[in-house]
Amino acid sequence: MTAFAVDGAFSGFSVDDIDAARTFYADTLGLDVETNAMGFLEIRLASGGGILVYAKPDHVPAGFTILNFPVDDIDAAVDELRGRGVETKIYPDDEFASDDRGIVRGGDRGPDIAWFRDPAGNVIAVLQA
């Protein structure tokens, strides 16, 4: 038994420009984004969960993946992202060997995955479900 409600848990991360983040997450990625009373962004997920995005003047981009989107077709997802102006080859091949679009083929080591950055430099991924 726990003293806190895990059903209401959510994730959050910072950005340096809340307006750029709203445009990226709502318009570029097509997510359901609302601005709450405090001026933070709330990204609503189809699963019922949510993500809080808040502006932080001394924001430092996360050095790890902050958000993962499982997709049915990694190639189609990467093509769509690139068609919307999102760069999906963000790591050099000596760090993560990938194709020219940035897709790392996991094979027996894990799912196929491609990383990209939001306008604040935070790392996001799409991965084959």
N, C-alpha and C. Protein backbone atom coordinates (compact mmCIF):
# COMPACT_ATOMS: atom_id res chain seq x y z
N MET A 1 0.86 -1.18 0.00
CA MET A 1 0.00 0.00 0.00
C MET A 1 0.90 1.24 0.00
N THR A 2 0.47 2.29 -0.71
CA THR A 2 1.24 3.51 -0.80
C THR A 2 0.41 4.69 -0.32
N ALA A 3 1.10 5.70 0.14
CA ALA A 3 0.43 6.88 0.68
C ALA A 3 0.12 7.93 -0.40
N PHE A 4 0.52 7.67 -1.62
CA PHE A 4 0.24 8.64 -2.68
C PHE A 4 -0.49 7.95 -3.83
N ALA A 5 -1.17 8.75 -4.63
CA ALA A 5 -2.01 8.22 -5.70
C ALA A 5 -1.21 8.06 -6.99
N VAL A 6 -0.90 6.85 -7.36
CA VAL A 6 -0.17 6.63 -8.61
C VAL A 6 -1.07 6.81 -9.83
N ASP A 7 -2.37 6.67 -9.68
CA ASP A 7 -3.28 6.85 -10.81
C ASP A 7 -3.21 8.27 -11.38
N GLY A 8 -2.90 9.23 -10.54
CA GLY A 8 -2.83 10.62 -10.99
C GLY A 8 -1.43 11.09 -11.32
N ALA A 9 -0.46 10.18 -11.37
CA ALA A 9 0.92 10.56 -11.63
C ALA A 9 1.07 11.09 -13.06
N PHE A 10 1.99 12.01 -13.22
CA PHE A 10 2.29 12.56 -14.54
C PHE A 10 3.75 12.96 -14.57
N SER A 11 4.24 13.20 -15.75
CA SER A 11 5.62 13.60 -15.94
C SER A 11 5.68 15.08 -16.29
N GLY A 12 6.85 15.66 -16.16
CA GLY A 12 7.03 17.05 -16.53
C GLY A 12 8.47 17.33 -16.90
N PHE A 13 8.65 18.37 -17.68
CA PHE A 13 10.01 18.80 -18.03
C PHE A 13 9.99 20.28 -18.38
N SER A 14 11.18 20.87 -18.39
CA SER A 14 11.29 22.30 -18.64
C SER A 14 11.71 22.60 -20.08
N VAL A 15 11.40 23.83 -20.48
CA VAL A 15 11.82 24.38 -21.76
C VAL A 15 12.25 25.83 -21.51
N ASP A 16 12.93 26.41 -22.48
CA ASP A 16 13.35 27.80 -22.32
C ASP A 16 12.38 28.79 -22.96
N ASP A 17 11.48 28.31 -23.80
CA ASP A 17 10.53 29.18 -24.50
C ASP A 17 9.20 28.45 -24.61
N ILE A 18 8.24 28.84 -23.78
CA ILE A 18 6.96 28.14 -23.71
C ILE A 18 6.17 28.28 -25.02
N ASP A 19 6.28 29.43 -25.70
CA ASP A 19 5.55 29.62 -26.96
C ASP A 19 6.12 28.72 -28.06
N ALA A 20 7.44 28.60 -28.13
CA ALA A 20 8.06 27.71 -29.11
C ALA A 20 7.69 26.26 -28.81
N ALA A 21 7.63 25.91 -27.54
CA ALA A 21 7.25 24.55 -27.15
C ALA A 21 5.80 24.28 -27.55
N ARG A 22 4.90 25.23 -27.31
CA ARG A 22 3.49 25.04 -27.68
C ARG A 22 3.37 24.81 -29.18
N THR A 23 4.05 25.62 -29.97
CA THR A 23 4.00 25.47 -31.42
C THR A 23 4.54 24.10 -31.84
N PHE A 24 5.66 23.69 -31.27
CA PHE A 24 6.27 22.42 -31.64
C PHE A 24 5.39 21.24 -31.27
N TYR A 25 4.95 21.19 -30.02
CA TYR A 25 4.18 20.03 -29.57
C TYR A 25 2.77 19.99 -30.18
N ALA A 26 2.14 21.15 -30.34
CA ALA A 26 0.78 21.19 -30.89
C ALA A 26 0.79 21.14 -32.42
N ASP A 27 1.52 22.04 -33.04
CA ASP A 27 1.45 22.18 -34.49
C ASP A 27 2.36 21.19 -35.23
N THR A 28 3.60 21.09 -34.79
CA THR A 28 4.54 20.21 -35.49
C THR A 28 4.25 18.74 -35.21
N LEU A 29 4.09 18.39 -33.93
CA LEU A 29 3.84 16.99 -33.58
C LEU A 29 2.36 16.62 -33.59
N GLY A 30 1.46 17.62 -33.55
CA GLY A 30 0.03 17.34 -33.61
C GLY A 30 -0.56 16.80 -32.33
N LEU A 31 0.06 17.12 -31.19
CA LEU A 31 -0.44 16.63 -29.91
C LEU A 31 -1.50 17.56 -29.35
N ASP A 32 -2.30 17.06 -28.43
CA ASP A 32 -3.33 17.84 -27.76
C ASP A 32 -2.66 18.63 -26.64
N VAL A 33 -2.50 19.94 -26.84
CA VAL A 33 -1.79 20.80 -25.90
C VAL A 33 -2.71 21.91 -25.42
N GLU A 34 -2.78 22.08 -24.10
CA GLU A 34 -3.55 23.17 -23.52
C GLU A 34 -2.65 23.97 -22.60
N THR A 35 -2.98 25.25 -22.42
CA THR A 35 -2.25 26.09 -21.48
C THR A 35 -3.10 26.16 -20.21
N ASN A 36 -2.50 25.84 -19.06
CA ASN A 36 -3.26 25.87 -17.81
C ASN A 36 -3.23 27.26 -17.19
N ALA A 37 -3.88 27.43 -16.05
CA ALA A 37 -4.01 28.73 -15.39
C ALA A 37 -2.66 29.32 -14.97
N MET A 38 -1.66 28.48 -14.78
CA MET A 38 -0.33 28.96 -14.38
C MET A 38 0.55 29.30 -15.58
N GLY A 39 0.03 29.09 -16.80
CA GLY A 39 0.80 29.36 -18.00
C GLY A 39 1.66 28.19 -18.44
N PHE A 40 1.52 27.05 -17.78
CA PHE A 40 2.25 25.83 -18.17
C PHE A 40 1.48 25.14 -19.28
N LEU A 41 2.17 24.34 -20.05
CA LEU A 41 1.51 23.53 -21.06
C LEU A 41 1.15 22.19 -20.47
N GLU A 42 0.00 21.68 -20.84
CA GLU A 42 -0.41 20.34 -20.47
C GLU A 42 -0.64 19.57 -21.76
N ILE A 43 0.21 18.56 -21.97
CA ILE A 43 0.07 17.71 -23.14
C ILE A 43 -0.78 16.52 -22.73
N ARG A 44 -1.91 16.37 -23.37
CA ARG A 44 -2.83 15.28 -23.06
C ARG A 44 -2.55 14.11 -24.00
N LEU A 45 -2.41 12.94 -23.43
CA LEU A 45 -2.14 11.74 -24.22
C LEU A 45 -3.40 10.91 -24.38
N ALA A 46 -3.50 10.19 -25.49
CA ALA A 46 -4.67 9.37 -25.76
C ALA A 46 -4.89 8.33 -24.67
N SER A 47 -3.82 7.93 -23.98
CA SER A 47 -3.93 6.92 -22.92
C SER A 47 -4.58 7.47 -21.67
N GLY A 48 -4.79 8.80 -21.64
CA GLY A 48 -5.37 9.43 -20.47
C GLY A 48 -4.34 10.11 -19.59
N GLY A 49 -3.09 9.84 -19.83
CA GLY A 49 -2.02 10.47 -19.06
C GLY A 49 -1.74 11.86 -19.57
N GLY A 50 -0.80 12.50 -18.92
CA GLY A 50 -0.45 13.84 -19.33
C GLY A 50 0.99 14.19 -19.00
N ILE A 51 1.45 15.26 -19.60
CA ILE A 51 2.81 15.74 -19.41
C ILE A 51 2.72 17.24 -19.17
N LEU A 52 3.41 17.72 -18.15
CA LEU A 52 3.46 19.13 -17.84
C LEU A 52 4.74 19.72 -18.41
N VAL A 53 4.63 20.81 -19.15
CA VAL A 53 5.79 21.48 -19.72
C VAL A 53 5.79 22.90 -19.17
N TYR A 54 6.90 23.28 -18.58
CA TYR A 54 6.99 24.58 -17.93
C TYR A 54 8.24 25.32 -18.36
N ALA A 55 8.13 26.65 -18.41
CA ALA A 55 9.27 27.48 -18.77
C ALA A 55 10.20 27.62 -17.57
N LYS A 56 11.50 27.58 -17.85
CA LYS A 56 12.52 27.74 -16.82
C LYS A 56 13.61 28.62 -17.41
N PRO A 57 13.82 29.80 -16.86
CA PRO A 57 14.78 30.74 -17.45
C PRO A 57 16.19 30.17 -17.59
N ASP A 58 16.63 29.35 -16.66
CA ASP A 58 17.98 28.77 -16.73
C ASP A 58 17.93 27.32 -17.22
N HIS A 59 16.97 27.03 -18.09
CA HIS A 59 16.77 25.69 -18.63
C HIS A 59 18.06 25.14 -19.23
N VAL A 60 18.33 23.89 -18.92
CA VAL A 60 19.41 23.14 -19.55
C VAL A 60 18.76 21.90 -20.16
N PRO A 61 18.94 21.65 -21.46
CA PRO A 61 18.32 20.48 -22.07
C PRO A 61 18.72 19.19 -21.36
N ALA A 62 17.77 18.30 -21.23
CA ALA A 62 18.04 17.01 -20.60
C ALA A 62 19.06 16.25 -21.45
N GLY A 63 19.99 15.59 -20.78
CA GLY A 63 21.00 14.80 -21.47
C GLY A 63 20.55 13.38 -21.70
N PHE A 64 19.26 13.15 -21.69
CA PHE A 64 18.68 11.82 -21.85
C PHE A 64 17.33 11.98 -22.53
N THR A 65 16.74 10.88 -22.96
CA THR A 65 15.44 10.92 -23.62
C THR A 65 14.36 11.20 -22.59
N ILE A 66 13.62 12.29 -22.79
CA ILE A 66 12.58 12.67 -21.82
C ILE A 66 11.20 12.13 -22.17
N LEU A 67 11.04 11.73 -23.44
CA LEU A 67 9.72 11.34 -23.91
C LEU A 67 9.89 10.34 -25.06
N ASN A 68 9.17 9.23 -24.98
CA ASN A 68 9.21 8.19 -26.01
C ASN A 68 7.83 8.00 -26.60
N PHE A 69 7.76 7.97 -27.92
CA PHE A 69 6.50 7.72 -28.60
C PHE A 69 6.59 6.38 -29.33
N PRO A 70 5.88 5.35 -28.86
CA PRO A 70 5.82 4.09 -29.60
C PRO A 70 5.01 4.30 -30.88
N VAL A 71 5.51 3.77 -31.98
CA VAL A 71 4.83 3.88 -33.27
C VAL A 71 4.76 2.52 -33.93
N ASP A 72 3.77 2.33 -34.78
CA ASP A 72 3.61 1.06 -35.49
C ASP A 72 4.63 0.91 -36.62
N ASP A 73 5.02 2.05 -37.22
CA ASP A 73 5.91 2.02 -38.38
C ASP A 73 6.96 3.11 -38.22
N ILE A 74 8.15 2.73 -37.78
CA ILE A 74 9.21 3.71 -37.52
C ILE A 74 9.59 4.48 -38.78
N ASP A 75 9.63 3.79 -39.92
CA ASP A 75 10.00 4.47 -41.17
C ASP A 75 8.99 5.55 -41.53
N ALA A 76 7.71 5.23 -41.42
CA ALA A 76 6.67 6.21 -41.73
C ALA A 76 6.71 7.37 -40.73
N ALA A 77 6.93 7.08 -39.45
CA ALA A 77 6.98 8.13 -38.43
C ALA A 77 8.14 9.08 -38.68
N VAL A 78 9.31 8.53 -39.00
CA VAL A 78 10.48 9.36 -39.28
C VAL A 78 10.26 10.18 -40.55
N ASP A 79 9.69 9.58 -41.58
CA ASP A 79 9.40 10.33 -42.80
C ASP A 79 8.45 11.49 -42.51
N GLU A 80 7.44 11.24 -41.68
CA GLU A 80 6.49 12.30 -41.33
C GLU A 80 7.17 13.41 -40.54
N LEU A 81 7.99 13.03 -39.56
CA LEU A 81 8.72 14.04 -38.78
C LEU A 81 9.61 14.89 -39.69
N ARG A 82 10.36 14.24 -40.53
CA ARG A 82 11.28 14.95 -41.43
C ARG A 82 10.50 15.84 -42.40
N GLY A 83 9.32 15.38 -42.83
CA GLY A 83 8.47 16.18 -43.69
C GLY A 83 7.95 17.43 -43.00
N ARG A 84 7.93 17.38 -41.68
CA ARG A 84 7.48 18.54 -40.88
C ARG A 84 8.66 19.39 -40.41
N GLY A 85 9.85 19.09 -40.93
CA GLY A 85 11.02 19.90 -40.62
C GLY A 85 11.78 19.48 -39.37
N VAL A 86 11.50 18.29 -38.85
CA VAL A 86 12.16 17.82 -37.64
C VAL A 86 13.37 16.96 -38.04
N GLU A 87 14.54 17.30 -37.53
CA GLU A 87 15.76 16.54 -37.80
C GLU A 87 15.79 15.31 -36.90
N THR A 88 15.92 14.15 -37.50
CA THR A 88 15.90 12.90 -36.74
C THR A 88 17.26 12.20 -36.68
N LYS A 89 18.26 12.80 -37.25
CA LYS A 89 19.62 12.25 -37.13
C LYS A 89 20.41 13.22 -36.27
N ILE A 90 20.33 13.04 -34.95
CA ILE A 90 20.94 14.00 -34.02
C ILE A 90 22.22 13.47 -33.38
N TYR A 91 22.50 12.19 -33.54
CA TYR A 91 23.70 11.60 -32.94
C TYR A 91 24.67 11.17 -34.03
N PRO A 92 25.97 11.34 -33.79
CA PRO A 92 26.95 10.85 -34.76
C PRO A 92 26.96 9.32 -34.77
N ASP A 93 27.33 8.75 -35.91
CA ASP A 93 27.32 7.30 -36.07
C ASP A 93 28.24 6.58 -35.09
N ASP A 94 29.28 7.24 -34.60
CA ASP A 94 30.16 6.56 -33.64
C ASP A 94 29.50 6.46 -32.26
N GLU A 95 28.42 7.21 -32.05
CA GLU A 95 27.67 7.11 -30.81
C GLU A 95 26.51 6.12 -30.95
N PHE A 96 25.74 6.29 -32.04
CA PHE A 96 24.64 5.38 -32.38
C PHE A 96 24.66 5.19 -33.89
N ALA A 97 25.04 4.03 -34.36
CA ALA A 97 25.06 3.76 -35.79
C ALA A 97 23.62 3.77 -36.31
N SER A 98 23.37 4.63 -37.29
CA SER A 98 22.01 4.78 -37.82
C SER A 98 22.06 4.96 -39.32
N ASP A 99 20.88 4.87 -39.94
CA ASP A 99 20.81 5.14 -41.37
C ASP A 99 20.83 6.65 -41.59
N ASP A 100 20.71 7.08 -42.84
CA ASP A 100 20.81 8.51 -43.14
C ASP A 100 19.66 9.34 -42.58
N ARG A 101 18.58 8.68 -42.13
CA ARG A 101 17.45 9.40 -41.52
C ARG A 101 17.52 9.37 -40.00
N GLY A 102 18.54 8.69 -39.44
CA GLY A 102 18.71 8.64 -38.00
C GLY A 102 18.07 7.46 -37.31
N ILE A 103 17.59 6.48 -38.07
CA ILE A 103 16.96 5.31 -37.46
C ILE A 103 18.05 4.31 -37.05
N VAL A 104 18.05 3.97 -35.78
CA VAL A 104 18.94 2.94 -35.26
C VAL A 104 18.15 1.64 -35.27
N ARG A 105 18.65 0.67 -36.00
CA ARG A 105 17.97 -0.62 -36.11
C ARG A 105 18.41 -1.49 -34.94
N GLY A 106 17.47 -1.82 -34.07
CA GLY A 106 17.80 -2.54 -32.85
C GLY A 106 18.08 -4.01 -33.03
N GLY A 107 17.43 -4.63 -34.01
CA GLY A 107 17.62 -6.07 -34.21
C GLY A 107 17.27 -6.83 -32.95
N ASP A 108 18.17 -7.68 -32.49
CA ASP A 108 17.90 -8.47 -31.28
C ASP A 108 18.28 -7.71 -30.01
N ARG A 109 18.76 -6.46 -30.16
CA ARG A 109 19.16 -5.66 -29.00
C ARG A 109 18.05 -4.74 -28.49
N GLY A 110 17.01 -4.59 -29.25
CA GLY A 110 15.92 -3.71 -28.83
C GLY A 110 15.17 -3.18 -30.04
N PRO A 111 14.23 -2.27 -29.80
CA PRO A 111 13.40 -1.76 -30.90
C PRO A 111 14.18 -0.82 -31.82
N ASP A 112 13.70 -0.67 -33.03
CA ASP A 112 14.21 0.37 -33.92
C ASP A 112 13.79 1.70 -33.32
N ILE A 113 14.70 2.68 -33.33
CA ILE A 113 14.44 3.95 -32.65
C ILE A 113 15.11 5.10 -33.39
N ALA A 114 14.50 6.27 -33.31
CA ALA A 114 15.09 7.50 -33.85
C ALA A 114 14.84 8.62 -32.85
N TRP A 115 15.85 9.42 -32.63
CA TRP A 115 15.74 10.52 -31.68
C TRP A 115 15.67 11.85 -32.41
N PHE A 116 15.04 12.82 -31.76
CA PHE A 116 14.98 14.19 -32.27
C PHE A 116 14.90 15.12 -31.07
N ARG A 117 15.01 16.41 -31.31
CA ARG A 117 15.00 17.39 -30.22
C ARG A 117 13.83 18.36 -30.37
N ASP A 118 13.32 18.81 -29.22
CA ASP A 118 12.33 19.89 -29.25
C ASP A 118 13.09 21.21 -29.37
N PRO A 119 12.40 22.34 -29.51
CA PRO A 119 13.11 23.62 -29.68
C PRO A 119 14.02 23.99 -28.50
N ALA A 120 13.77 23.41 -27.32
CA ALA A 120 14.59 23.69 -26.14
C ALA A 120 15.79 22.75 -26.05
N GLY A 121 15.91 21.82 -27.00
CA GLY A 121 17.04 20.90 -27.01
C GLY A 121 16.81 19.60 -26.28
N ASN A 122 15.61 19.40 -25.70
CA ASN A 122 15.29 18.14 -25.03
C ASN A 122 15.18 17.01 -26.05
N VAL A 123 15.65 15.82 -25.66
CA VAL A 123 15.66 14.68 -26.57
C VAL A 123 14.36 13.88 -26.45
N ILE A 124 13.78 13.56 -27.60
CA ILE A 124 12.54 12.81 -27.71
C ILE A 124 12.81 11.66 -28.68
N ALA A 125 12.07 10.58 -28.56
CA ALA A 125 12.28 9.44 -29.45
C ALA A 125 10.96 8.89 -29.99
N VAL A 126 11.04 8.33 -31.18
CA VAL A 126 9.99 7.46 -31.70
C VAL A 126 10.63 6.08 -31.79
N LEU A 127 9.88 5.07 -31.38
CA LEU A 127 10.41 3.72 -31.43
C LEU A 127 9.36 2.75 -31.90
N GLN A 128 9.82 1.74 -32.63
CA GLN A 128 8.93 0.74 -33.19
C GLN A 128 8.25 -0.03 -32.06
N ALA A 129 6.92 -0.02 -32.05
CA ALA A 129 6.16 -0.70 -31.00
C ALA A 129 6.12 -2.20 -31.26
